[in-house]
């Protein structure tokens, strides 16, 4: 019997390395808005939080201009950036093995739902997931990670929280899991750090996707 019957994943930085497309589209947005382009190391902050939060929190973009910045970002991302991505090593094999063992798989991401499906279809992994939670494309302010996780749990019929594991690469995922009342796993192949996961009390920390099999099964 497996330890967890349900595993919920963040998307960017956890299942798929979407950084190239995201960073190039962010650079495009800053150029289009007449701003100095941030260093690559600085733009890593964008992966994890909702994009509106990142523009406001990390770059002090006025609230009334955030939607314009997001619009410029998505202008390039939808045309080119969405295809500048790749699966993390071993993740597809891990997902397939979990499904073979009867584990239900979901996604809880702050990425727009339509873009998640575009990437999943492009990488041919759509059929590996039983339910996907994302946000609307209209830039409306949405609920946090906790609500996304709870929505995925509801649609997976995951009533026993002790049988649910949330997997992500940033502290938003770890905090959201704690708020939802489920265990968490931080992955070091994404954009977070061991220090970040320890500070936010992740239940587990792994370096490779294949380690999920031992945790879950």
Protein backbone atom coordinates (compact mmCIF):
# COMPACT_ATOMS: atom_id res chain seq x y z
CA UNK A 1 0.00 0.00 0.00
CA UNK A 2 1.35 3.41 -0.96
CA UNK A 3 1.87 6.13 1.64
CA UNK A 4 0.06 8.69 -0.52
CA UNK A 5 -2.93 8.12 -2.78
CA UNK A 6 -2.84 11.62 -4.27
CA UNK A 7 0.13 13.70 -5.42
CA UNK A 8 -0.40 17.31 -6.47
CA UNK A 9 2.29 19.17 -8.40
CA UNK A 10 3.17 22.76 -9.01
CA UNK A 11 3.90 23.22 -12.73
CA UNK A 12 6.64 25.73 -13.64
CA UNK A 13 9.88 24.69 -11.99
CA UNK A 14 8.47 21.37 -10.80
CA UNK A 15 7.15 19.37 -13.74
CA UNK A 16 8.39 21.54 -16.60
CA UNK A 17 11.41 23.80 -16.94
CA UNK A 18 9.67 26.77 -18.55
CA UNK A 19 12.38 29.24 -17.55
CA UNK A 20 13.72 30.06 -21.03
CA UNK A 21 10.34 31.11 -22.35
CA UNK A 22 9.42 32.95 -19.17
CA UNK A 23 12.69 34.88 -18.91
CA UNK A 24 12.76 35.89 -22.59
CA UNK A 25 9.13 37.01 -22.39
CA UNK A 26 9.85 39.02 -19.24
CA UNK A 27 12.79 40.67 -21.00
CA UNK A 28 10.46 41.52 -23.88
CA UNK A 29 7.93 43.08 -21.50
CA UNK A 30 10.52 45.25 -19.76
CA UNK A 31 11.95 46.43 -23.09
CA UNK A 32 8.48 47.19 -24.46
CA UNK A 33 7.67 49.20 -21.34
CA UNK A 34 10.93 51.15 -21.63
CA UNK A 35 12.49 49.70 -18.47
CA UNK A 36 15.95 48.39 -17.73
CA UNK A 37 16.03 44.63 -18.20
CA UNK A 38 16.76 42.90 -14.85
CA UNK A 39 19.60 40.42 -14.48
CA UNK A 40 18.72 36.79 -15.15
CA UNK A 41 19.32 35.92 -11.50
CA UNK A 42 16.74 38.50 -10.48
CA UNK A 43 14.10 37.19 -12.87
CA UNK A 44 14.20 33.77 -11.22
CA UNK A 45 12.01 35.31 -8.52
CA UNK A 46 9.16 35.36 -11.03
CA UNK A 47 8.83 31.60 -11.13
CA UNK A 48 6.53 30.45 -8.36
CA UNK A 49 4.42 33.44 -7.30
CA UNK A 50 1.48 34.82 -9.31
CA UNK A 51 2.92 37.10 -12.01
CA UNK A 52 1.02 40.18 -10.82
CA UNK A 53 2.51 39.73 -7.35
CA UNK A 54 6.00 39.47 -8.84
CA UNK A 55 5.72 42.66 -10.86
CA UNK A 56 4.41 44.58 -7.86
CA UNK A 57 6.56 43.03 -5.14
CA UNK A 58 9.92 42.65 -6.87
CA UNK A 59 9.89 45.55 -9.35
CA UNK A 60 7.57 48.07 -7.74
CA UNK A 61 5.35 48.27 -10.81
CA UNK A 62 2.38 50.55 -9.99
CA UNK A 63 -0.84 48.58 -9.57
CA UNK A 64 -2.49 50.46 -12.43
CA UNK A 65 0.26 49.32 -14.85
CA UNK A 66 0.56 45.68 -13.80
CA UNK A 67 -2.00 44.43 -16.33
CA UNK A 68 -0.14 46.24 -19.12
CA UNK A 69 3.13 44.57 -18.15
CA UNK A 70 1.40 41.19 -18.00
CA UNK A 71 -0.14 41.82 -21.40
CA UNK A 72 3.26 42.53 -22.94
CA UNK A 73 4.73 39.46 -21.28
CA UNK A 74 1.98 37.18 -22.58
CA UNK A 75 2.18 38.75 -26.04
CA UNK A 76 5.54 37.06 -26.56
CA UNK A 77 4.95 34.07 -24.30
CA UNK A 78 1.88 32.89 -26.19
CA UNK A 79 3.62 33.32 -29.55
CA UNK A 80 7.05 31.85 -28.76
CA UNK A 81 7.81 31.39 -25.07
CA UNK A 82 5.33 28.61 -24.50
CA UNK A 83 7.42 26.30 -26.69
CA UNK A 84 10.74 27.21 -25.02
CA UNK A 85 10.49 24.54 -22.36
CA UNK A 86 11.42 20.98 -21.46
CA UNK A 87 10.50 18.30 -18.95
CA UNK A 88 12.76 17.86 -15.95
CA UNK A 89 14.89 14.74 -16.06
CA UNK A 90 13.01 11.69 -14.84
CA UNK A 91 9.71 13.47 -14.18
CA UNK A 92 7.72 11.78 -16.94
CA UNK A 93 8.93 8.36 -15.89
CA UNK A 94 8.07 9.12 -12.25
CA UNK A 95 4.58 10.32 -13.17
CA UNK A 96 3.97 7.23 -15.30
CA UNK A 97 5.12 4.90 -12.52
CA UNK A 98 2.92 6.62 -9.94
CA UNK A 99 -0.11 6.24 -12.21
CA UNK A 100 0.69 2.57 -12.81
CA UNK A 101 0.51 2.11 -9.04
CA UNK A 102 -2.91 3.73 -8.81
CA UNK A 103 -1.84 7.14 -7.49
CA UNK A 104 -4.07 10.03 -8.61
CA UNK A 105 -2.11 13.00 -9.96
CA UNK A 106 -3.07 16.66 -10.06
CA UNK A 107 -1.64 20.10 -10.73
CA UNK A 108 -2.13 23.25 -8.65
CA UNK A 109 -0.46 26.19 -10.40
CA UNK A 110 -0.62 29.97 -10.50
CA UNK A 111 -0.15 29.75 -14.29
CA UNK A 112 -3.21 30.41 -16.50
CA UNK A 113 -5.06 27.15 -17.07
CA UNK A 114 -5.09 27.45 -20.86
CA UNK A 115 -1.29 27.91 -20.94
CA UNK A 116 -0.78 24.88 -18.69
CA UNK A 117 -2.73 22.76 -21.16
CA UNK A 118 -0.85 24.24 -24.12
CA UNK A 119 2.47 23.23 -22.57
CA UNK A 120 1.23 19.81 -21.46
CA UNK A 121 -0.13 19.07 -24.93
CA UNK A 122 3.13 20.23 -26.54
CA UNK A 123 5.17 17.95 -24.25
CA UNK A 124 2.62 15.10 -24.49
CA UNK A 125 1.98 14.69 -20.76
CA UNK A 126 -1.67 15.78 -20.55
CA UNK A 127 -2.95 12.23 -20.07
CA UNK A 128 -0.76 11.72 -17.01
CA UNK A 129 -2.84 14.07 -14.84
CA UNK A 130 -6.31 13.47 -13.45
CA UNK A 131 -7.11 17.12 -12.70
CA UNK A 132 -5.49 20.51 -13.25
CA UNK A 133 -6.07 23.73 -11.30
CA UNK A 134 -4.81 26.98 -12.78
CA UNK A 135 -5.91 30.61 -12.91
CA UNK A 136 -7.88 32.70 -15.39
CA UNK A 137 -6.16 34.50 -18.25
CA UNK A 138 -8.01 37.75 -17.52
CA UNK A 139 -5.44 38.93 -14.93
CA UNK A 140 -8.08 38.99 -12.20
CA UNK A 141 -6.60 38.59 -8.75
CA UNK A 142 -7.09 35.00 -7.73
CA UNK A 143 -6.95 33.03 -4.55
CA UNK A 144 -3.60 31.77 -3.30
CA UNK A 145 -1.90 28.40 -3.43
CA UNK A 146 -4.00 26.98 -0.61
CA UNK A 147 -7.19 27.43 -2.62
CA UNK A 148 -5.62 25.94 -5.75
CA UNK A 149 -4.51 22.88 -3.78
CA UNK A 150 -7.90 22.49 -2.11
CA UNK A 151 -9.67 22.78 -5.47
CA UNK A 152 -7.47 20.04 -6.92
CA UNK A 153 -8.09 17.85 -3.87
CA UNK A 154 -11.84 18.34 -4.20
CA UNK A 155 -11.81 17.30 -7.85
CA UNK A 156 -9.60 14.30 -7.13
CA UNK A 157 -11.97 13.26 -4.31
CA UNK A 158 -9.05 13.43 -1.91
CA UNK A 159 -10.92 13.57 1.38
CA UNK A 160 -8.22 12.12 3.62
CA UNK A 161 -5.58 14.84 3.87
CA UNK A 162 -3.02 12.46 5.33
CA UNK A 163 -2.98 10.66 1.97
CA UNK A 164 -2.14 13.81 -0.04
CA UNK A 165 1.34 15.11 -0.95
CA UNK A 166 2.00 18.53 -2.53
CA UNK A 167 5.19 18.80 -4.62
CA UNK A 168 6.71 22.15 -5.57
CA UNK A 169 9.88 24.17 -6.04
CA UNK A 170 9.14 27.35 -4.08
CA UNK A 171 8.01 28.28 -0.58
CA UNK A 172 4.59 29.28 -1.95
CA UNK A 173 3.99 25.57 -2.59
CA UNK A 174 5.22 24.55 0.85
CA UNK A 175 3.20 27.21 2.66
CA UNK A 176 0.12 26.43 0.57
CA UNK A 177 0.37 22.76 1.46
CA UNK A 178 0.64 23.58 5.18
CA UNK A 179 -2.38 25.88 4.97
CA UNK A 180 -4.33 23.16 3.15
CA UNK A 181 -3.34 20.64 5.83
CA UNK A 182 -1.28 18.27 3.66
CA UNK A 183 2.36 17.13 3.52
CA UNK A 184 4.80 18.86 1.19
CA UNK A 185 7.88 18.01 -0.84
CA UNK A 186 10.37 20.60 -2.11
CA UNK A 187 12.30 19.76 -5.27
CA UNK A 188 15.85 21.06 -5.67
CA UNK A 189 15.89 20.73 -9.46
CA UNK A 190 13.55 23.73 -9.76
CA UNK A 191 14.07 27.31 -8.56
CA UNK A 192 13.94 26.97 -4.80
CA UNK A 193 16.72 26.12 -2.37
CA UNK A 194 17.23 23.73 0.51
CA UNK A 195 17.41 26.72 2.88
CA UNK A 196 14.07 27.98 1.61
CA UNK A 197 12.41 24.61 2.13
CA UNK A 198 13.91 24.15 5.59
CA UNK A 199 12.80 27.63 6.64
CA UNK A 200 9.24 26.88 5.56
CA UNK A 201 9.18 23.39 7.10
CA UNK A 202 8.81 21.21 4.02
CA UNK A 203 7.96 17.63 4.98
CA UNK A 204 10.49 16.29 2.46
CA UNK A 205 13.22 17.66 0.20
CA UNK A 206 14.40 15.74 -2.87
CA UNK A 207 17.13 16.29 -5.46
CA UNK A 208 15.80 14.11 -8.28
CA UNK A 209 12.33 13.31 -9.59
CA UNK A 210 12.84 9.56 -9.20
CA UNK A 211 13.04 10.04 -5.42
CA UNK A 212 9.29 10.69 -5.45
CA UNK A 213 8.66 7.00 -6.04
CA UNK A 214 10.27 6.02 -2.76
CA UNK A 215 8.38 8.73 -0.86
CA UNK A 216 4.97 7.95 -2.32
CA UNK A 217 5.03 4.21 -2.87
